[in-house]
N, C-alpha and C. Protein backbone atom coordinates (compact mmCIF):
# COMPACT_ATOMS: atom_id res chain seq x y z
N UNK A 1 -13.92 26.42 -8.80
CA UNK A 1 -12.86 26.56 -7.72
C UNK A 1 -12.59 28.05 -7.46
N UNK A 2 -12.70 28.63 -6.32
CA UNK A 2 -12.42 30.05 -6.07
C UNK A 2 -10.96 30.17 -6.40
N UNK A 3 -10.63 31.49 -6.52
CA UNK A 3 -9.26 31.86 -7.02
C UNK A 3 -8.35 31.62 -5.84
N UNK A 4 -8.86 31.65 -4.51
CA UNK A 4 -8.02 31.61 -3.35
C UNK A 4 -7.53 30.04 -3.23
N UNK A 5 -8.58 29.13 -3.40
CA UNK A 5 -8.23 27.75 -3.48
C UNK A 5 -7.22 27.44 -4.48
N UNK A 6 -7.33 27.85 -5.67
CA UNK A 6 -6.41 27.67 -6.80
C UNK A 6 -5.02 28.14 -6.32
N UNK A 7 -4.95 29.29 -5.82
CA UNK A 7 -3.59 29.78 -5.34
C UNK A 7 -3.01 28.90 -4.37
N UNK A 8 -3.87 28.48 -3.32
CA UNK A 8 -3.30 27.60 -2.24
C UNK A 8 -2.79 26.27 -2.82
N UNK A 9 -3.47 25.60 -3.95
CA UNK A 9 -3.09 24.46 -4.49
C UNK A 9 -1.80 24.68 -5.18
N UNK A 10 -1.56 25.77 -5.85
CA UNK A 10 -0.27 26.13 -6.53
C UNK A 10 0.79 26.21 -5.56
N UNK A 11 0.55 26.91 -4.44
CA UNK A 11 1.55 27.25 -3.44
C UNK A 11 1.90 25.88 -2.90
N UNK A 12 0.98 24.98 -2.50
CA UNK A 12 1.30 23.76 -1.96
C UNK A 12 2.20 22.86 -3.06
N UNK A 13 1.72 22.93 -4.31
CA UNK A 13 2.55 22.25 -5.32
C UNK A 13 3.93 22.70 -5.29
N UNK A 14 4.06 23.96 -5.34
CA UNK A 14 5.52 24.53 -5.43
C UNK A 14 6.33 24.16 -4.21
N UNK A 15 5.65 24.23 -2.92
CA UNK A 15 6.39 23.86 -1.76
C UNK A 15 6.85 22.50 -1.64
N UNK A 16 6.11 21.54 -2.20
CA UNK A 16 6.46 20.13 -2.04
C UNK A 16 7.66 19.93 -2.93
N UNK A 17 7.69 20.35 -4.25
CA UNK A 17 8.79 20.23 -4.94
C UNK A 17 10.07 20.88 -4.48
N UNK A 18 9.86 22.14 -3.94
CA UNK A 18 10.92 22.85 -3.44
C UNK A 18 11.51 22.25 -2.15
N UNK A 19 10.73 21.61 -1.26
CA UNK A 19 11.20 21.07 -0.13
C UNK A 19 12.18 19.82 -0.38
N UNK A 20 11.63 19.02 -1.35
CA UNK A 20 12.28 17.80 -1.56
C UNK A 20 13.14 17.79 -2.76
N UNK A 21 13.25 18.82 -3.51
CA UNK A 21 14.24 18.94 -4.75
C UNK A 21 13.86 17.92 -5.91
N UNK A 22 12.55 17.81 -6.28
CA UNK A 22 12.20 16.82 -7.30
C UNK A 22 11.47 15.62 -6.77
N UNK A 23 11.88 14.53 -7.04
CA UNK A 23 11.18 13.29 -6.78
C UNK A 23 10.95 13.16 -5.20
N UNK A 24 9.67 13.09 -4.88
CA UNK A 24 9.06 13.00 -3.51
C UNK A 24 8.72 11.51 -3.30
N UNK A 25 9.33 10.78 -2.37
CA UNK A 25 8.96 9.40 -2.16
C UNK A 25 8.14 9.36 -1.00
N UNK A 26 6.75 8.86 -1.29
CA UNK A 26 5.83 8.78 -0.15
C UNK A 26 5.19 7.25 -0.13
N UNK A 27 5.36 6.93 1.04
CA UNK A 27 4.68 5.44 1.35
C UNK A 27 3.41 5.65 2.09
N UNK A 28 2.23 5.15 1.60
CA UNK A 28 1.00 5.04 2.37
C UNK A 28 0.72 3.62 2.80
N UNK A 29 0.57 3.56 4.20
CA UNK A 29 0.19 2.20 4.87
C UNK A 29 -1.21 2.09 5.05
N UNK A 30 -1.91 1.13 4.52
CA UNK A 30 -3.30 0.94 4.82
C UNK A 30 -3.46 -0.31 5.67
N UNK A 31 -4.23 -0.26 6.83
CA UNK A 31 -4.44 -1.25 7.62
C UNK A 31 -6.01 -1.97 7.55
N UNK A 32 -6.95 -1.04 7.11
CA UNK A 32 -8.34 -1.53 7.29
C UNK A 32 -8.81 -2.03 5.91
N UNK A 33 -10.08 -2.80 5.99
CA UNK A 33 -10.66 -3.60 5.00
C UNK A 33 -11.05 -2.41 4.03
N UNK A 34 -11.32 -2.79 2.71
CA UNK A 34 -11.65 -1.95 1.72
C UNK A 34 -13.12 -1.27 1.87
N UNK A 35 -13.95 -1.92 2.56
CA UNK A 35 -15.33 -1.37 2.97
C UNK A 35 -15.72 -1.57 4.49
N UNK A 36 -16.52 -0.78 4.80
CA UNK A 36 -16.84 -0.84 6.38
C UNK A 36 -16.49 0.36 6.98
N UNK A 37 -15.25 0.80 6.84
CA UNK A 37 -14.80 2.22 7.28
C UNK A 37 -14.39 2.85 6.00
N UNK A 38 -14.07 4.11 6.27
CA UNK A 38 -13.53 4.89 4.93
C UNK A 38 -12.16 5.08 5.01
N UNK A 39 -11.31 4.28 5.75
CA UNK A 39 -9.97 4.64 5.73
C UNK A 39 -9.28 4.28 4.54
N UNK A 40 -9.51 3.17 3.86
CA UNK A 40 -8.83 2.70 2.61
C UNK A 40 -9.31 3.78 1.61
N UNK A 41 -10.53 4.14 1.52
CA UNK A 41 -11.05 5.09 0.56
C UNK A 41 -10.38 6.53 0.71
N UNK A 42 -10.23 6.95 1.94
CA UNK A 42 -9.55 8.19 2.28
C UNK A 42 -8.07 8.05 1.88
N UNK A 43 -7.44 7.08 2.20
CA UNK A 43 -5.96 6.92 1.92
C UNK A 43 -5.80 6.90 0.35
N UNK A 44 -6.61 6.27 -0.41
CA UNK A 44 -6.44 6.31 -1.86
C UNK A 44 -6.90 7.56 -2.51
N UNK A 45 -7.81 8.21 -1.88
CA UNK A 45 -8.17 9.67 -2.33
C UNK A 45 -7.01 10.48 -2.21
N UNK A 46 -6.21 10.40 -0.99
CA UNK A 46 -5.18 11.17 -0.85
C UNK A 46 -3.87 10.86 -1.81
N UNK A 47 -3.82 9.62 -1.97
CA UNK A 47 -2.72 9.10 -2.96
C UNK A 47 -3.09 9.91 -4.33
N UNK A 48 -4.29 9.73 -4.81
CA UNK A 48 -4.79 10.38 -6.14
C UNK A 48 -4.37 11.93 -6.24
N UNK A 49 -4.68 12.70 -4.98
CA UNK A 49 -4.43 14.05 -4.92
C UNK A 49 -2.96 14.31 -4.92
N UNK A 50 -2.16 13.54 -4.22
CA UNK A 50 -0.63 13.63 -4.34
C UNK A 50 -0.08 13.47 -5.70
N UNK A 51 -0.60 12.41 -6.37
CA UNK A 51 -0.12 12.21 -7.82
C UNK A 51 -0.66 13.38 -8.79
N UNK A 52 -1.65 13.97 -8.47
CA UNK A 52 -2.08 15.13 -9.21
C UNK A 52 -1.28 16.23 -8.89
N UNK A 53 -0.85 16.56 -7.59
CA UNK A 53 -0.30 17.82 -7.22
C UNK A 53 1.27 17.76 -7.53
N UNK A 54 1.80 16.53 -7.47
CA UNK A 54 3.15 16.40 -7.67
C UNK A 54 3.54 15.36 -8.82
N UNK A 55 3.92 15.92 -9.98
CA UNK A 55 4.12 15.08 -11.10
C UNK A 55 5.10 14.11 -11.06
N UNK A 56 6.17 14.46 -10.15
CA UNK A 56 7.29 13.47 -9.97
C UNK A 56 7.21 12.65 -8.68
N UNK A 57 5.98 12.66 -7.99
CA UNK A 57 5.99 11.99 -6.68
C UNK A 57 6.05 10.38 -7.05
N UNK A 58 6.60 9.60 -6.13
CA UNK A 58 6.82 8.31 -6.17
C UNK A 58 5.82 7.69 -5.07
N UNK A 59 4.75 7.24 -5.36
CA UNK A 59 3.72 6.86 -4.38
C UNK A 59 3.84 5.32 -4.31
N UNK A 60 4.08 4.86 -3.18
CA UNK A 60 3.98 3.32 -2.85
C UNK A 60 2.89 3.17 -1.84
N UNK A 61 1.88 2.18 -1.99
CA UNK A 61 0.92 1.86 -0.99
C UNK A 61 1.23 0.28 -0.66
N UNK A 62 1.41 0.30 0.67
CA UNK A 62 1.56 -1.14 1.27
C UNK A 62 0.17 -1.38 2.02
N UNK A 63 -0.34 -2.51 1.68
CA UNK A 63 -1.62 -3.04 2.34
C UNK A 63 -1.30 -4.10 3.36
N UNK A 64 -1.68 -3.82 4.59
CA UNK A 64 -1.56 -4.72 5.73
C UNK A 64 -2.89 -5.24 6.28
N UNK A 65 -2.93 -6.35 6.81
CA UNK A 65 -4.14 -6.84 7.61
C UNK A 65 -5.24 -6.96 6.53
N UNK A 66 -6.42 -6.59 7.09
CA UNK A 66 -7.51 -6.77 6.22
C UNK A 66 -7.55 -5.73 4.87
N UNK A 67 -6.56 -4.73 4.84
CA UNK A 67 -6.35 -4.06 3.70
C UNK A 67 -5.97 -4.83 2.58
N UNK A 68 -5.37 -5.97 2.56
CA UNK A 68 -4.93 -6.86 1.43
C UNK A 68 -6.17 -7.14 0.50
N UNK A 69 -7.45 -7.02 1.13
CA UNK A 69 -8.61 -7.20 0.42
C UNK A 69 -8.83 -5.99 -0.52
N UNK A 70 -8.21 -5.01 -0.30
CA UNK A 70 -8.35 -3.79 -1.32
C UNK A 70 -7.86 -4.20 -2.71
N UNK A 71 -6.97 -5.07 -2.63
CA UNK A 71 -6.38 -5.41 -3.99
C UNK A 71 -6.96 -6.68 -4.58
N UNK A 72 -7.99 -7.10 -4.10
CA UNK A 72 -8.73 -8.23 -4.74
C UNK A 72 -9.39 -7.87 -6.01
N UNK A 73 -9.05 -8.64 -6.94
CA UNK A 73 -9.73 -8.25 -8.32
C UNK A 73 -11.24 -8.77 -8.32
N UNK A 74 -11.94 -8.07 -9.18
CA UNK A 74 -13.44 -8.46 -9.45
C UNK A 74 -14.44 -7.73 -8.46
N UNK A 75 -13.93 -6.66 -7.75
CA UNK A 75 -14.90 -6.15 -6.77
C UNK A 75 -16.14 -5.48 -7.45
N UNK A 76 -17.26 -5.84 -7.08
CA UNK A 76 -18.59 -5.30 -7.52
C UNK A 76 -19.23 -4.48 -6.39
N UNK A 77 -19.37 -3.25 -6.75
CA UNK A 77 -20.01 -2.27 -5.90
C UNK A 77 -21.34 -1.77 -6.35
N UNK A 78 -22.31 -1.38 -5.64
CA UNK A 78 -23.55 -0.77 -6.20
C UNK A 78 -23.23 0.46 -6.98
N UNK A 79 -23.94 0.82 -8.00
CA UNK A 79 -23.82 2.02 -8.68
C UNK A 79 -23.93 3.24 -7.85
N UNK A 80 -22.84 4.13 -8.06
CA UNK A 80 -22.72 5.29 -7.22
C UNK A 80 -21.98 5.11 -5.96
N UNK A 81 -21.38 3.85 -5.74
CA UNK A 81 -20.75 3.67 -4.60
C UNK A 81 -19.21 3.51 -5.04
N UNK A 82 -18.23 4.02 -4.18
CA UNK A 82 -16.81 4.01 -4.58
C UNK A 82 -16.45 2.54 -4.66
N UNK A 83 -15.27 2.31 -5.70
CA UNK A 83 -14.85 1.05 -5.89
C UNK A 83 -13.41 1.10 -5.68
N UNK A 84 -12.79 0.43 -4.54
CA UNK A 84 -11.40 0.45 -4.14
C UNK A 84 -10.55 -0.10 -5.26
N UNK A 85 -11.03 -1.25 -5.89
CA UNK A 85 -10.19 -1.71 -6.89
C UNK A 85 -10.05 -0.79 -8.07
N UNK A 86 -10.89 0.03 -8.52
CA UNK A 86 -10.74 1.10 -9.38
C UNK A 86 -9.97 2.14 -8.90
N UNK A 87 -9.96 2.47 -7.73
CA UNK A 87 -9.19 3.63 -7.22
C UNK A 87 -7.69 3.27 -7.12
N UNK A 88 -7.35 1.99 -7.03
CA UNK A 88 -5.97 1.55 -7.17
C UNK A 88 -5.26 1.64 -8.45
N UNK A 89 -6.01 1.76 -9.54
CA UNK A 89 -5.54 1.61 -10.89
C UNK A 89 -4.71 2.77 -11.11
N UNK A 90 -4.98 4.13 -10.79
CA UNK A 90 -4.13 5.27 -11.01
C UNK A 90 -2.70 5.12 -10.24
N UNK A 91 -2.88 4.54 -9.06
CA UNK A 91 -1.64 4.42 -8.37
C UNK A 91 -0.63 3.35 -9.03
N UNK A 92 -1.43 2.16 -9.55
CA UNK A 92 -0.57 1.20 -10.23
C UNK A 92 -0.02 1.68 -11.45
N UNK A 93 -0.63 2.77 -12.19
CA UNK A 93 0.01 3.19 -13.41
C UNK A 93 1.38 4.01 -13.03
N UNK A 94 1.28 4.63 -11.89
CA UNK A 94 2.41 5.69 -11.68
C UNK A 94 3.17 5.21 -10.46
N UNK A 95 2.72 4.22 -9.62
CA UNK A 95 3.43 3.95 -8.41
C UNK A 95 3.42 2.43 -8.30
N UNK A 96 3.36 2.05 -7.01
CA UNK A 96 3.53 0.66 -6.62
C UNK A 96 2.32 0.31 -5.52
N UNK A 97 1.94 -0.81 -5.65
CA UNK A 97 0.92 -1.35 -4.63
C UNK A 97 1.47 -2.66 -4.14
N UNK A 98 1.63 -2.88 -2.88
CA UNK A 98 2.23 -4.09 -2.23
C UNK A 98 1.24 -4.46 -1.21
N UNK A 99 1.25 -5.93 -1.18
CA UNK A 99 0.36 -6.59 -0.29
C UNK A 99 1.15 -7.53 0.63
N UNK A 100 0.96 -7.47 1.94
CA UNK A 100 1.65 -8.27 2.96
C UNK A 100 1.24 -9.67 2.68
N UNK A 101 2.47 -10.47 2.48
CA UNK A 101 2.32 -11.97 2.06
C UNK A 101 1.58 -12.76 3.35
N UNK A 102 2.10 -12.54 4.47
CA UNK A 102 1.52 -13.15 5.68
C UNK A 102 0.12 -12.77 5.93
N UNK A 103 -0.32 -11.56 5.61
CA UNK A 103 -1.80 -11.11 5.83
C UNK A 103 -2.61 -11.82 4.71
N UNK A 104 -2.09 -11.88 3.44
CA UNK A 104 -2.81 -12.55 2.38
C UNK A 104 -3.02 -14.03 2.75
N UNK A 105 -2.01 -14.70 3.22
CA UNK A 105 -2.09 -16.20 3.53
C UNK A 105 -3.01 -16.47 4.69
N UNK A 106 -3.13 -15.52 5.58
CA UNK A 106 -4.06 -15.54 6.59
C UNK A 106 -5.59 -15.47 6.28
N UNK A 107 -5.74 -14.77 5.08
CA UNK A 107 -7.13 -14.61 4.60
C UNK A 107 -7.38 -15.40 3.33
N UNK A 108 -6.48 -16.43 2.97
CA UNK A 108 -6.72 -17.45 1.88
C UNK A 108 -6.51 -16.72 0.56
N UNK A 109 -5.86 -15.58 0.46
CA UNK A 109 -5.58 -14.89 -0.85
C UNK A 109 -4.30 -15.27 -1.54
N UNK A 110 -4.39 -15.53 -2.79
CA UNK A 110 -3.14 -15.80 -3.47
C UNK A 110 -2.81 -14.72 -4.47
N UNK A 111 -1.62 -14.72 -5.11
CA UNK A 111 -1.31 -13.62 -6.12
C UNK A 111 -2.26 -13.54 -7.33
N UNK A 112 -2.84 -14.73 -7.59
CA UNK A 112 -3.88 -14.86 -8.70
C UNK A 112 -5.08 -14.14 -8.35
N UNK A 113 -5.38 -13.82 -7.02
CA UNK A 113 -6.55 -13.14 -6.72
C UNK A 113 -6.44 -11.67 -6.74
N UNK A 114 -5.32 -11.08 -6.94
CA UNK A 114 -4.98 -9.69 -6.81
C UNK A 114 -5.27 -9.08 -8.14
N UNK A 115 -5.31 -7.67 -8.32
CA UNK A 115 -5.40 -6.93 -9.37
C UNK A 115 -4.07 -7.00 -10.08
N UNK A 116 -3.96 -7.03 -11.46
CA UNK A 116 -2.81 -7.14 -12.14
C UNK A 116 -1.84 -5.88 -11.72
N UNK A 117 -0.60 -6.15 -11.49
CA UNK A 117 0.18 -5.24 -11.07
C UNK A 117 0.47 -5.09 -9.71
N UNK A 118 -0.17 -5.62 -8.90
CA UNK A 118 -0.06 -5.52 -7.37
C UNK A 118 1.12 -6.55 -7.02
N UNK A 119 1.95 -6.28 -6.07
CA UNK A 119 3.07 -7.16 -5.68
C UNK A 119 2.71 -7.75 -4.37
N UNK A 120 3.22 -8.97 -4.21
CA UNK A 120 3.26 -9.69 -2.87
C UNK A 120 4.40 -9.37 -2.36
N UNK A 121 4.51 -8.94 -1.05
CA UNK A 121 5.64 -8.50 -0.41
C UNK A 121 5.76 -8.88 1.16
N UNK A 122 6.96 -9.01 1.69
CA UNK A 122 7.18 -9.33 3.05
C UNK A 122 7.28 -8.03 3.76
N UNK A 123 7.25 -8.19 5.19
CA UNK A 123 7.27 -6.85 5.95
C UNK A 123 8.68 -6.20 5.75
N UNK A 124 9.76 -6.89 5.57
CA UNK A 124 11.05 -6.34 5.38
C UNK A 124 11.09 -5.41 4.24
N UNK A 125 10.30 -5.55 3.21
CA UNK A 125 10.17 -4.69 2.03
C UNK A 125 9.46 -3.34 2.50
N UNK A 126 8.52 -3.54 3.45
CA UNK A 126 7.84 -2.30 3.96
C UNK A 126 8.94 -1.58 4.73
N UNK A 127 9.81 -2.29 5.53
CA UNK A 127 10.78 -1.56 6.18
C UNK A 127 11.80 -0.81 5.45
N UNK A 128 12.17 -1.38 4.24
CA UNK A 128 12.82 -0.63 3.13
C UNK A 128 12.19 0.58 2.75
N UNK A 129 10.93 0.38 2.40
CA UNK A 129 10.10 1.61 1.97
C UNK A 129 10.22 2.65 2.88
N UNK A 130 9.88 2.36 4.18
CA UNK A 130 9.80 3.30 5.19
C UNK A 130 11.10 4.10 5.37
N UNK A 131 12.22 3.36 5.34
CA UNK A 131 13.52 3.94 5.65
C UNK A 131 13.83 4.84 4.27
N UNK A 132 13.37 4.48 3.09
CA UNK A 132 13.77 5.28 1.85
C UNK A 132 12.80 6.36 1.59
N UNK A 133 11.73 6.46 2.33
CA UNK A 133 10.54 7.52 1.99
C UNK A 133 11.02 8.82 2.54
N UNK A 134 10.49 9.91 1.89
CA UNK A 134 10.49 11.15 2.53
C UNK A 134 9.34 11.37 3.46
N UNK A 135 8.22 10.79 3.15
CA UNK A 135 7.02 10.83 3.95
C UNK A 135 6.49 9.56 4.06
N UNK A 136 5.83 9.08 5.30
CA UNK A 136 5.19 7.77 5.52
C UNK A 136 3.77 8.26 6.18
N UNK A 137 2.84 7.81 5.58
CA UNK A 137 1.37 8.10 6.14
C UNK A 137 0.66 6.96 6.21
N UNK A 138 0.03 6.67 7.61
CA UNK A 138 -0.60 5.48 7.93
C UNK A 138 -2.08 5.67 8.06
N UNK A 139 -2.81 4.93 7.35
CA UNK A 139 -4.31 4.74 7.58
C UNK A 139 -4.75 3.58 8.30
């Protein structure tokens, strides 16, 4: 990495902590299916970068619509292709992944179908997340 990019990364890291005075609460809302478009992929890449840049960041991911399929366990992708299930694991270790209950029911998913650690939630819980977050990002 060039020296300029390293410095920019450090400045960004410092400014995030400075602006929010410690714990930054970020909610990422994903609406698209795990495969077919790259929205879920890019949302989870961003979540990973934020976790790397800001040690104290509190990242919550809320999956709506077809995005609830992102949390389905047992995803098998071709070698060399990204795997959304695996991309959720770092977020689950340090943050929270919630799946819309109504969206799951509409797609025939149950809690047993989800990656361990994912929570089934109602839209009201998303409302609370949004109100309590410093930043909300939608994909």
